[in-house]
Amino acid sequence: MSQDVHPDEQETEDDAERAPFRRYLTRAGAERLHRELVHLLNEERPKVTAEVSAAAAQGDRSENAEYIYGKKRLREIDRRLRFLQKRLDTATIVTPAEQTDRSRVFFGATVSLEDEDGGRSTYQIVGSDEIDASGGRISVESPMGRALIRKAVGDSVEVRRPRGDIELTVVDIRYE
C-alpha cells in the first residue's frame, strides 16, 4: 500500500528520526529512575539469576516451570534496565528551583488551578516518565500540561477531558 506524503512532511519525519526527541526529567524524577535501576541491577537481577541457576541444576529445563519463569523474569529485568539506562542517558535533567522566569508555567512548575465551580487543584508539570495523577504530577505532554505551558497567574485555559471540556484559571505558580 502506497502512502502519499507531501515533500515538506517527509522532511519533518526524516528530521524527527535523525534528531532524538528531547525528553525532560525533574531532578527528583531522575533520582527515582536511578534508584530503580540500581535496585534492579544490584538486588533483583542477582536474586533472580541465583534462582534460575538453582532451577537449572534440577535437570530437565523444558518442563521446569521455575527455570522458564526465571528466564522470563530475567528478560523483563534486562529490558527494564536497558529502558532506564537509555532514559537517564538521553534525558535533560531540570531543577525547577533554578527556573529564572517564575511568572509563567514551564516544565517543573507546581501550578494551582481553580475550575469553573471554584474547586482548586494543584499539579506539577513533569516528564512522561514521572506521571502520578494521584500524586499531582501530570505530563508536560498531556492535554492539560500543554495547555498550561507559558501561562501566567490569572490566565484561563480550556482543557478537553473525557468528561467534557473544563475551563481552569491559573491561581499560583511555584518552582520548588
C-alpha atoms as a PDB file:
ATOM      1  CA  MET A   1       0.000   0.000   0.000  1.00  0.00           C
ATOM      2  CA  SER A   2       1.476   3.311  -1.088  1.00  0.00           C
ATOM      3  CA  GLN A   3       1.110   6.385   1.048  1.00  0.00           C
ATOM      4  CA  ASP A   4       1.286   9.878  -0.436  1.00  0.00           C
ATOM      5  CA  VAL A   5       3.315  12.234   1.724  1.00  0.00           C
ATOM      6  CA  HIS A   6       3.851  15.877   0.965  1.00  0.00           C
ATOM      7  CA  PRO A   7       7.611  16.620   0.499  1.00  0.00           C
ATOM      8  CA  ASP A   8       7.613  19.071   3.432  1.00  0.00           C
ATOM      9  CA  GLU A   9       6.002  16.437   5.672  1.00  0.00           C
ATOM     10  CA  GLN A  10       8.604  13.880   4.570  1.00  0.00           C
ATOM     11  CA  GLU A  11      11.424  16.192   5.650  1.00  0.00           C
ATOM     12  CA  THR A  12       9.781  16.648   9.032  1.00  0.00           C
ATOM     13  CA  GLU A  13       9.513  12.870   9.533  1.00  0.00           C
ATOM     14  CA  ASP A  14      13.143  12.363   8.482  1.00  0.00           C
ATOM     15  CA  ASP A  15      14.294  15.141  10.810  1.00  0.00           C
ATOM     16  CA  ALA A  16      12.369  13.564  13.666  1.00  0.00           C
ATOM     17  CA  GLU A  17      14.115  10.225  13.060  1.00  0.00           C
ATOM     18  CA  ARG A  18      17.578  11.810  12.981  1.00  0.00           C
ATOM     19  CA  ALA A  19      17.148  14.146  15.938  1.00  0.00           C
ATOM     20  CA  PRO A  20      16.227  12.323  19.132  1.00  0.00           C
ATOM     21  CA  PHE A  21      13.115  13.573  20.911  1.00  0.00           C
ATOM     22  CA  ARG A  22      14.176  15.796  23.791  1.00  0.00           C
ATOM     23  CA  ARG A  23      12.917  14.219  26.989  1.00  0.00           C
ATOM     24  CA  TYR A  24      12.896  16.145  30.238  1.00  0.00           C
ATOM     25  CA  LEU A  25      13.034  14.837  33.792  1.00  0.00           C
ATOM     26  CA  THR A  26      12.955  16.716  37.049  1.00  0.00           C
ATOM     27  CA  ARG A  27      15.927  16.070  39.334  1.00  0.00           C
ATOM     28  CA  ALA A  28      13.614  14.114  41.701  1.00  0.00           C
ATOM     29  CA  GLY A  29      12.268  12.031  38.803  1.00  0.00           C
ATOM     30  CA  ALA A  30      15.773  11.221  37.571  1.00  0.00           C
ATOM     31  CA  GLU A  31      16.766  10.167  41.088  1.00  0.00           C
ATOM     32  CA  ARG A  32      13.726   7.839  41.303  1.00  0.00           C
ATOM     33  CA  LEU A  33      14.608   6.221  37.966  1.00  0.00           C
ATOM     34  CA  HIS A  34      18.246   5.876  39.048  1.00  0.00           C
ATOM     35  CA  ARG A  35      17.217   4.225  42.348  1.00  0.00           C
ATOM     36  CA  GLU A  36      15.076   1.748  40.410  1.00  0.00           C
ATOM     37  CA  LEU A  37      17.966   0.998  38.049  1.00  0.00           C
ATOM     38  CA  VAL A  38      20.380   0.401  40.945  1.00  0.00           C
ATOM     39  CA  HIS A  39      17.828  -1.796  42.757  1.00  0.00           C
ATOM     40  CA  LEU A  40      17.228  -3.938  39.668  1.00  0.00           C
ATOM     41  CA  LEU A  41      20.933  -4.207  38.894  1.00  0.00           C
ATOM     42  CA  ASN A  42      22.281  -4.851  42.392  1.00  0.00           C
ATOM     43  CA  GLU A  43      19.436  -6.695  44.103  1.00  0.00           C
ATOM     44  CA  GLU A  44      16.691  -8.029  41.849  1.00  0.00           C
ATOM     45  CA  ARG A  45      18.781  -9.346  38.927  1.00  0.00           C
ATOM     46  CA  PRO A  46      21.340 -11.231  41.094  1.00  0.00           C
ATOM     47  CA  LYS A  47      18.493 -12.779  43.125  1.00  0.00           C
ATOM     48  CA  VAL A  48      16.631 -13.983  40.014  1.00  0.00           C
ATOM     49  CA  THR A  49      19.889 -15.200  38.431  1.00  0.00           C
ATOM     50  CA  ALA A  50      20.559 -17.342  41.510  1.00  0.00           C
ATOM     51  CA  GLU A  51      17.012 -18.746  41.361  1.00  0.00           C
ATOM     52  CA  VAL A  52      17.433 -19.613  37.657  1.00  0.00           C
ATOM     53  CA  SER A  53      20.773 -21.317  38.369  1.00  0.00           C
ATOM     54  CA  ALA A  54      19.205 -23.375  41.158  1.00  0.00           C
ATOM     55  CA  ALA A  55      16.270 -24.329  38.904  1.00  0.00           C
ATOM     56  CA  ALA A  56      18.640 -25.259  36.056  1.00  0.00           C
ATOM     57  CA  ALA A  57      20.541 -27.596  38.396  1.00  0.00           C
ATOM     58  CA  GLN A  58      17.359 -29.619  38.885  1.00  0.00           C
ATOM     59  CA  GLY A  59      17.657 -31.177  35.457  1.00  0.00           C
ATOM     60  CA  ASP A  60      15.174 -31.131  32.554  1.00  0.00           C
ATOM     61  CA  ARG A  61      14.712 -27.456  31.754  1.00  0.00           C
ATOM     62  CA  SER A  62      11.942 -27.926  29.184  1.00  0.00           C
ATOM     63  CA  GLU A  63       9.392 -28.841  31.854  1.00  0.00           C
ATOM     64  CA  ASN A  64      10.883 -26.852  34.725  1.00  0.00           C
ATOM     65  CA  ALA A  65       8.399 -24.037  35.457  1.00  0.00           C
ATOM     66  CA  GLU A  66      10.750 -22.283  37.891  1.00  0.00           C
ATOM     67  CA  TYR A  67      13.502 -22.185  35.252  1.00  0.00           C
ATOM     68  CA  ILE A  68      11.153 -20.985  32.481  1.00  0.00           C
ATOM     69  CA  TYR A  69       9.585 -18.308  34.683  1.00  0.00           C
ATOM     70  CA  GLY A  70      13.013 -17.217  35.968  1.00  0.00           C
ATOM     71  CA  LYS A  71      14.378 -16.803  32.440  1.00  0.00           C
ATOM     72  CA  LYS A  72      11.290 -14.798  31.507  1.00  0.00           C
ATOM     73  CA  ARG A  73      11.751 -12.593  34.589  1.00  0.00           C
ATOM     74  CA  LEU A  74      15.431 -12.049  33.702  1.00  0.00           C
ATOM     75  CA  ARG A  75      14.432 -10.891  30.209  1.00  0.00           C
ATOM     76  CA  GLU A  76      11.918  -8.460  31.744  1.00  0.00           C
ATOM     77  CA  ILE A  77      14.539  -7.111  34.161  1.00  0.00           C
ATOM     78  CA  ASP A  78      17.105  -6.716  31.371  1.00  0.00           C
ATOM     79  CA  ARG A  79      14.532  -4.946  29.178  1.00  0.00           C
ATOM     80  CA  ARG A  80      13.685  -2.543  32.029  1.00  0.00           C
ATOM     81  CA  LEU A  81      17.393  -1.938  32.745  1.00  0.00           C
ATOM     82  CA  ARG A  82      18.016  -1.009  29.095  1.00  0.00           C
ATOM     83  CA  PHE A  83      14.961   1.266  29.106  1.00  0.00           C
ATOM     84  CA  LEU A  84      16.003   3.047  32.324  1.00  0.00           C
ATOM     85  CA  GLN A  85      19.616   3.430  31.189  1.00  0.00           C
ATOM     86  CA  LYS A  86      18.548   4.906  27.853  1.00  0.00           C
ATOM     87  CA  ARG A  87      16.097   7.311  29.541  1.00  0.00           C
ATOM     88  CA  LEU A  88      18.698   8.516  32.010  1.00  0.00           C
ATOM     89  CA  ASP A  89      21.389   8.841  29.324  1.00  0.00           C
ATOM     90  CA  THR A  90      19.231  10.861  26.931  1.00  0.00           C
ATOM     91  CA  ALA A  91      17.126  12.941  29.339  1.00  0.00           C
ATOM     92  CA  THR A  92      17.678  16.586  30.064  1.00  0.00           C
ATOM     93  CA  ILE A  93      17.583  16.994  33.852  1.00  0.00           C
ATOM     94  CA  VAL A  94      15.745  20.103  35.033  1.00  0.00           C
ATOM     95  CA  THR A  95      15.870  21.515  38.538  1.00  0.00           C
ATOM     96  CA  PRO A  96      12.639  23.523  38.935  1.00  0.00           C
ATOM     97  CA  ALA A  97      14.105  25.699  41.717  1.00  0.00           C
ATOM     98  CA  GLU A  98      16.636  27.080  39.207  1.00  0.00           C
ATOM     99  CA  GLN A  99      13.922  28.464  36.881  1.00  0.00           C
ATOM    100  CA  THR A 100      14.602  32.167  36.331  1.00  0.00           C
ATOM    101  CA  ASP A 101      11.232  33.241  34.867  1.00  0.00           C
ATOM    102  CA  ARG A 102       8.855  32.340  37.676  1.00  0.00           C
ATOM    103  CA  SER A 103       5.949  34.388  36.315  1.00  0.00           C
ATOM    104  CA  ARG A 104       4.955  31.746  33.758  1.00  0.00           C
ATOM    105  CA  VAL A 105       4.362  27.989  33.753  1.00  0.00           C
ATOM    106  CA  PHE A 106       7.293  25.972  32.442  1.00  0.00           C
ATOM    107  CA  PHE A 107       8.474  22.405  32.916  1.00  0.00           C
ATOM    108  CA  GLY A 108       8.757  21.544  36.615  1.00  0.00           C
ATOM    109  CA  ALA A 109       6.321  24.207  37.802  1.00  0.00           C
ATOM    110  CA  THR A 110       3.791  23.440  40.508  1.00  0.00           C
ATOM    111  CA  VAL A 111       0.561  25.094  39.392  1.00  0.00           C
ATOM    112  CA  SER A 112      -2.553  25.767  41.460  1.00  0.00           C
ATOM    113  CA  LEU A 113      -5.725  25.935  39.396  1.00  0.00           C
ATOM    114  CA  GLU A 114      -9.299  26.919  40.017  1.00  0.00           C
ATOM    115  CA  ASP A 115     -12.129  25.402  37.996  1.00  0.00           C
ATOM    116  CA  GLU A 116     -15.467  26.940  36.972  1.00  0.00           C
ATOM    117  CA  ASP A 117     -17.111  25.791  40.221  1.00  0.00           C
ATOM    118  CA  GLY A 118     -14.415  27.294  42.460  1.00  0.00           C
ATOM    119  CA  GLY A 119     -12.724  23.931  43.123  1.00  0.00           C
ATOM    120  CA  ARG A 120      -8.961  24.066  43.465  1.00  0.00           C
ATOM    121  CA  SER A 121      -6.336  21.565  42.414  1.00  0.00           C
ATOM    122  CA  THR A 122      -2.553  21.597  42.280  1.00  0.00           C
ATOM    123  CA  TYR A 123      -0.324  19.833  39.744  1.00  0.00           C
ATOM    124  CA  GLN A 124       3.372  19.669  38.993  1.00  0.00           C
ATOM    125  CA  ILE A 125       4.285  19.631  35.296  1.00  0.00           C
ATOM    126  CA  VAL A 126       6.728  16.733  34.816  1.00  0.00           C
ATOM    127  CA  GLY A 127       8.064  14.385  32.144  1.00  0.00           C
ATOM    128  CA  SER A 128       6.139  11.379  30.868  1.00  0.00           C
ATOM    129  CA  ASP A 129       8.282   9.023  32.979  1.00  0.00           C
ATOM    130  CA  GLU A 130       7.247  10.772  36.204  1.00  0.00           C
ATOM    131  CA  ILE A 131       3.454  10.826  35.860  1.00  0.00           C
ATOM    132  CA  ASP A 132       1.496  10.194  39.057  1.00  0.00           C
ATOM    133  CA  ALA A 133      -2.015  11.608  38.776  1.00  0.00           C
ATOM    134  CA  SER A 134      -2.905  10.701  42.363  1.00  0.00           C
ATOM    135  CA  GLY A 135       0.295  12.435  43.500  1.00  0.00           C
ATOM    136  CA  GLY A 136      -0.478  15.557  41.467  1.00  0.00           C
ATOM    137  CA  ARG A 137       2.206  15.072  38.793  1.00  0.00           C
ATOM    138  CA  ILE A 138       0.985  15.414  35.203  1.00  0.00           C
ATOM    139  CA  SER A 139       2.919  15.100  31.959  1.00  0.00           C
ATOM    140  CA  VAL A 140       4.034  18.170  30.069  1.00  0.00           C
ATOM    141  CA  GLU A 141       2.782  16.238  27.017  1.00  0.00           C
ATOM    142  CA  SER A 142      -0.759  15.762  28.398  1.00  0.00           C
ATOM    143  CA  PRO A 143      -3.583  18.000  27.148  1.00  0.00           C
ATOM    144  CA  MET A 144      -3.597  19.897  30.458  1.00  0.00           C
ATOM    145  CA  GLY A 145       0.204  20.140  30.553  1.00  0.00           C
ATOM    146  CA  ARG A 146       0.360  21.507  27.006  1.00  0.00           C
ATOM    147  CA  ALA A 147      -2.446  23.995  27.740  1.00  0.00           C
ATOM    148  CA  LEU A 148      -0.689  25.324  30.861  1.00  0.00           C
ATOM    149  CA  ILE A 149       2.780  25.892  29.372  1.00  0.00           C
ATOM    150  CA  ARG A 150       3.684  29.624  29.224  1.00  0.00           C
ATOM    151  CA  LYS A 151       0.542  30.691  31.093  1.00  0.00           C
ATOM    152  CA  ALA A 152       0.734  33.267  33.899  1.00  0.00           C
ATOM    153  CA  VAL A 153      -1.275  33.793  37.077  1.00  0.00           C
ATOM    154  CA  GLY A 154      -4.787  34.899  36.097  1.00  0.00           C
ATOM    155  CA  ASP A 155      -4.711  33.216  32.658  1.00  0.00           C
ATOM    156  CA  SER A 156      -7.506  30.816  31.819  1.00  0.00           C
ATOM    157  CA  VAL A 157      -7.181  27.649  29.765  1.00  0.00           C
ATOM    158  CA  GLU A 158      -9.762  25.307  28.340  1.00  0.00           C
ATOM    159  CA  VAL A 159      -8.880  21.640  28.642  1.00  0.00           C
ATOM    160  CA  ARG A 160     -10.645  18.828  26.806  1.00  0.00           C
ATOM    161  CA  ARG A 161     -11.298  15.841  29.055  1.00  0.00           C
ATOM    162  CA  PRO A 162     -13.235  12.610  28.588  1.00  0.00           C
ATOM    163  CA  ARG A 163     -15.975  14.051  30.850  1.00  0.00           C
ATOM    164  CA  GLY A 164     -16.125  17.211  28.735  1.00  0.00           C
ATOM    165  CA  ASP A 165     -14.279  20.482  28.392  1.00  0.00           C
ATOM    166  CA  ILE A 166     -13.380  22.447  31.501  1.00  0.00           C
ATOM    167  CA  GLU A 167     -12.086  25.967  31.969  1.00  0.00           C
ATOM    168  CA  LEU A 168      -9.300  26.395  34.516  1.00  0.00           C
ATOM    169  CA  THR A 169      -7.696  29.574  35.833  1.00  0.00           C
ATOM    170  CA  VAL A 170      -4.072  29.697  36.982  1.00  0.00           C
ATOM    171  CA  VAL A 171      -4.089  30.854  40.611  1.00  0.00           C
ATOM    172  CA  ASP A 172      -0.478  30.256  41.662  1.00  0.00           C
ATOM    173  CA  ILE A 173       2.840  29.149  40.131  1.00  0.00           C
ATOM    174  CA  ARG A 174       5.696  27.778  42.249  1.00  0.00           C
ATOM    175  CA  TYR A 175       9.082  26.322  41.465  1.00  0.00           C
ATOM    176  CA  GLU A 176      10.248  24.076  44.304  1.00  0.00           C
END
